[in-house]
Amino acid sequence: MSRAAWGFVIAAVWFFLIGFSVAMLGGAAVIPLGPLYAERVLGGNASTYGLVQFAMGFGAAAGVGGVMLWTRRGTHSSAHLFTLGLLVCGAGLFAAASVHTPALGYPLIALFGMGAGATYVTG
């Protein structure tokens, strides 16, 4: 393997490690901060937190299912889906933190979960 090829492999591994770490840290932060998000941002209570967790889990299941379908068709590689999952995860989390109504918060949390599930599976 040439020196340029090794440089590409090392860059790809670093991209994966940094991207996967950021995605998992973001997902891990949502669990302990979820009750505060449900109470202070969405203006809810414990049942609101339960619905936030449901939306995140539903989105993660949809993300995993989507990855399985797309890779089975052969239209996208795992590397492309990993990158797309990172972008969807970050955009969903940013958007969910920016809204103050449950009607908008739940779908955006589901979008975040979808990206997190896709990132986890392809990682």
C-alpha atoms as a PDB file:
ATOM      1  CA  MET A   1       0.000   0.000   0.000  1.00  0.00           C
ATOM      2  CA  SER A   2       1.410   3.367  -0.968  1.00  0.00           C
ATOM      3  CA  ARG A   3       2.055   6.216   1.416  1.00  0.00           C
ATOM      4  CA  ALA A   4      -0.838   8.254  -0.073  1.00  0.00           C
ATOM      5  CA  ALA A   5      -3.220   5.339   0.427  1.00  0.00           C
ATOM      6  CA  TRP A   6      -2.181   5.037   4.073  1.00  0.00           C
ATOM      7  CA  GLY A   7      -2.766   8.759   4.511  1.00  0.00           C
ATOM      8  CA  PHE A   8      -6.307   8.341   3.191  1.00  0.00           C
ATOM      9  CA  VAL A   9      -6.968   5.395   5.506  1.00  0.00           C
ATOM     10  CA  ILE A  10      -5.704   7.306   8.540  1.00  0.00           C
ATOM     11  CA  ALA A  11      -7.822  10.353   7.636  1.00  0.00           C
ATOM     12  CA  ALA A  12     -10.906   8.148   7.210  1.00  0.00           C
ATOM     13  CA  VAL A  13     -10.319   6.460  10.578  1.00  0.00           C
ATOM     14  CA  TRP A  14      -9.919   9.838  12.311  1.00  0.00           C
ATOM     15  CA  PHE A  15     -13.113  11.121  10.682  1.00  0.00           C
ATOM     16  CA  PHE A  16     -14.952   8.035  11.884  1.00  0.00           C
ATOM     17  CA  LEU A  17     -13.595   8.213  15.434  1.00  0.00           C
ATOM     18  CA  ILE A  18     -14.351  11.900  15.864  1.00  0.00           C
ATOM     19  CA  GLY A  19     -17.782  11.667  14.230  1.00  0.00           C
ATOM     20  CA  PHE A  20     -18.812   8.580  16.181  1.00  0.00           C
ATOM     21  CA  SER A  21     -17.583  10.070  19.465  1.00  0.00           C
ATOM     22  CA  VAL A  22     -19.467  13.327  18.934  1.00  0.00           C
ATOM     23  CA  ALA A  23     -22.657  11.491  17.964  1.00  0.00           C
ATOM     24  CA  MET A  24     -22.533   9.189  20.974  1.00  0.00           C
ATOM     25  CA  LEU A  25     -21.711  12.027  23.380  1.00  0.00           C
ATOM     26  CA  GLY A  26     -24.643  14.006  21.999  1.00  0.00           C
ATOM     27  CA  GLY A  27     -26.940  11.034  22.417  1.00  0.00           C
ATOM     28  CA  ALA A  28     -25.631  10.364  25.908  1.00  0.00           C
ATOM     29  CA  ALA A  29     -26.272  13.986  26.906  1.00  0.00           C
ATOM     30  CA  VAL A  30     -29.912  13.774  25.836  1.00  0.00           C
ATOM     31  CA  ILE A  31     -30.744  11.086  28.403  1.00  0.00           C
ATOM     32  CA  PRO A  32     -29.794  12.972  31.612  1.00  0.00           C
ATOM     33  CA  LEU A  33     -30.849  16.352  30.191  1.00  0.00           C
ATOM     34  CA  GLY A  34     -34.143  15.003  28.845  1.00  0.00           C
ATOM     35  CA  PRO A  35     -36.182  15.768  31.996  1.00  0.00           C
ATOM     36  CA  LEU A  36     -34.878  19.346  32.037  1.00  0.00           C
ATOM     37  CA  TYR A  37     -35.663  19.726  28.333  1.00  0.00           C
ATOM     38  CA  ALA A  38     -39.187  18.397  28.845  1.00  0.00           C
ATOM     39  CA  GLU A  39     -39.832  20.638  31.842  1.00  0.00           C
ATOM     40  CA  ARG A  40     -38.054  23.903  31.044  1.00  0.00           C
ATOM     41  CA  VAL A  41     -38.072  24.025  27.249  1.00  0.00           C
ATOM     42  CA  LEU A  42     -41.287  22.207  26.367  1.00  0.00           C
ATOM     43  CA  GLY A  43     -43.094  23.279  29.536  1.00  0.00           C
ATOM     44  CA  GLY A  44     -44.198  19.763  30.423  1.00  0.00           C
ATOM     45  CA  ASN A  45     -43.809  17.193  33.174  1.00  0.00           C
ATOM     46  CA  ALA A  46     -42.785  13.542  33.575  1.00  0.00           C
ATOM     47  CA  SER A  47     -45.204  12.372  30.883  1.00  0.00           C
ATOM     48  CA  THR A  48     -43.671  14.879  28.479  1.00  0.00           C
ATOM     49  CA  TYR A  49     -40.267  13.352  29.209  1.00  0.00           C
ATOM     50  CA  GLY A  50     -41.704   9.919  28.476  1.00  0.00           C
ATOM     51  CA  LEU A  51     -42.954  11.136  25.117  1.00  0.00           C
ATOM     52  CA  VAL A  52     -39.554  12.689  24.381  1.00  0.00           C
ATOM     53  CA  GLN A  53     -37.902   9.313  25.052  1.00  0.00           C
ATOM     54  CA  PHE A  54     -40.526   7.559  22.923  1.00  0.00           C
ATOM     55  CA  ALA A  55     -39.910   9.973  20.047  1.00  0.00           C
ATOM     56  CA  MET A  56     -36.153   9.435  20.283  1.00  0.00           C
ATOM     57  CA  GLY A  57     -36.551   5.644  20.360  1.00  0.00           C
ATOM     58  CA  PHE A  58     -39.032   5.660  17.496  1.00  0.00           C
ATOM     59  CA  GLY A  59     -36.662   7.812  15.457  1.00  0.00           C
ATOM     60  CA  ALA A  60     -33.718   5.528  16.239  1.00  0.00           C
ATOM     61  CA  ALA A  61     -35.710   2.496  15.089  1.00  0.00           C
ATOM     62  CA  ALA A  62     -36.655   4.325  11.892  1.00  0.00           C
ATOM     63  CA  GLY A  63     -33.014   5.284  11.312  1.00  0.00           C
ATOM     64  CA  VAL A  64     -31.830   1.706  11.757  1.00  0.00           C
ATOM     65  CA  GLY A  65     -34.584   0.461   9.435  1.00  0.00           C
ATOM     66  CA  GLY A  66     -33.721   3.097   6.859  1.00  0.00           C
ATOM     67  CA  VAL A  67     -30.055   2.105   6.907  1.00  0.00           C
ATOM     68  CA  MET A  68     -30.990  -1.541   6.457  1.00  0.00           C
ATOM     69  CA  LEU A  69     -33.176  -0.722   3.458  1.00  0.00           C
ATOM     70  CA  TRP A  70     -30.680   1.635   1.796  1.00  0.00           C
ATOM     71  CA  THR A  71     -27.705  -0.695   2.196  1.00  0.00           C
ATOM     72  CA  ARG A  72     -29.737  -3.660   0.975  1.00  0.00           C
ATOM     73  CA  ARG A  73     -30.636  -1.782  -2.200  1.00  0.00           C
ATOM     74  CA  GLY A  74     -26.983  -0.991  -2.777  1.00  0.00           C
ATOM     75  CA  THR A  75     -27.653   2.669  -3.559  1.00  0.00           C
ATOM     76  CA  HIS A  76     -25.574   4.118  -0.706  1.00  0.00           C
ATOM     77  CA  SER A  77     -22.426   3.003   1.063  1.00  0.00           C
ATOM     78  CA  SER A  78     -22.133   2.814   4.821  1.00  0.00           C
ATOM     79  CA  ALA A  79     -19.703   5.739   4.792  1.00  0.00           C
ATOM     80  CA  HIS A  80     -22.260   7.969   3.072  1.00  0.00           C
ATOM     81  CA  LEU A  81     -25.002   6.898   5.473  1.00  0.00           C
ATOM     82  CA  PHE A  82     -22.693   7.510   8.432  1.00  0.00           C
ATOM     83  CA  THR A  83     -22.064  11.068   7.256  1.00  0.00           C
ATOM     84  CA  LEU A  84     -25.748  11.637   6.532  1.00  0.00           C
ATOM     85  CA  GLY A  85     -26.636  10.256   9.964  1.00  0.00           C
ATOM     86  CA  LEU A  86     -24.226  12.676  11.627  1.00  0.00           C
ATOM     87  CA  LEU A  87     -25.755  15.611   9.778  1.00  0.00           C
ATOM     88  CA  VAL A  88     -29.337  14.565  10.562  1.00  0.00           C
ATOM     89  CA  CYS A  89     -28.434  13.920  14.205  1.00  0.00           C
ATOM     90  CA  GLY A  90     -26.885  17.356  14.661  1.00  0.00           C
ATOM     91  CA  ALA A  91     -29.585  19.203  12.758  1.00  0.00           C
ATOM     92  CA  GLY A  92     -32.354  17.435  14.674  1.00  0.00           C
ATOM     93  CA  LEU A  93     -30.766  18.163  18.034  1.00  0.00           C
ATOM     94  CA  PHE A  94     -30.153  21.817  17.173  1.00  0.00           C
ATOM     95  CA  ALA A  95     -33.690  22.274  15.856  1.00  0.00           C
ATOM     96  CA  ALA A  96     -35.277  20.484  18.832  1.00  0.00           C
ATOM     97  CA  ALA A  97     -33.380  22.715  21.250  1.00  0.00           C
ATOM     98  CA  SER A  98     -34.671  25.764  19.361  1.00  0.00           C
ATOM     99  CA  VAL A  99     -38.412  25.098  19.669  1.00  0.00           C
ATOM    100  CA  HIS A 100     -40.646  25.553  22.691  1.00  0.00           C
ATOM    101  CA  THR A 101     -43.757  23.546  21.832  1.00  0.00           C
ATOM    102  CA  PRO A 102     -44.178  19.782  22.162  1.00  0.00           C
ATOM    103  CA  ALA A 103     -45.909  19.603  18.771  1.00  0.00           C
ATOM    104  CA  LEU A 104     -42.649  20.678  17.119  1.00  0.00           C
ATOM    105  CA  GLY A 105     -40.295  19.174  19.692  1.00  0.00           C
ATOM    106  CA  TYR A 106     -41.409  15.536  19.360  1.00  0.00           C
ATOM    107  CA  PRO A 107     -40.873  15.235  15.577  1.00  0.00           C
ATOM    108  CA  LEU A 108     -37.517  16.982  15.845  1.00  0.00           C
ATOM    109  CA  ILE A 109     -36.418  14.674  18.638  1.00  0.00           C
ATOM    110  CA  ALA A 110     -37.509  11.769  16.420  1.00  0.00           C
ATOM    111  CA  LEU A 111     -35.348  13.236  13.642  1.00  0.00           C
ATOM    112  CA  PHE A 112     -32.433  13.403  16.075  1.00  0.00           C
ATOM    113  CA  GLY A 113     -33.049   9.771  17.031  1.00  0.00           C
ATOM    114  CA  MET A 114     -33.152   8.790  13.379  1.00  0.00           C
ATOM    115  CA  GLY A 115     -29.737  10.300  12.779  1.00  0.00           C
ATOM    116  CA  ALA A 116     -28.333   8.790  15.970  1.00  0.00           C
ATOM    117  CA  GLY A 117     -29.637   5.320  15.064  1.00  0.00           C
ATOM    118  CA  ALA A 118     -28.207   5.544  11.551  1.00  0.00           C
ATOM    119  CA  THR A 119     -24.856   6.742  12.893  1.00  0.00           C
ATOM    120  CA  TYR A 120     -24.697   4.000  15.505  1.00  0.00           C
ATOM    121  CA  VAL A 121     -25.505   1.207  13.063  1.00  0.00           C
ATOM    122  CA  THR A 122     -23.181   2.355  10.295  1.00  0.00           C
ATOM    123  CA  GLY A 123     -20.408   3.112  12.771  1.00  0.00           C
END
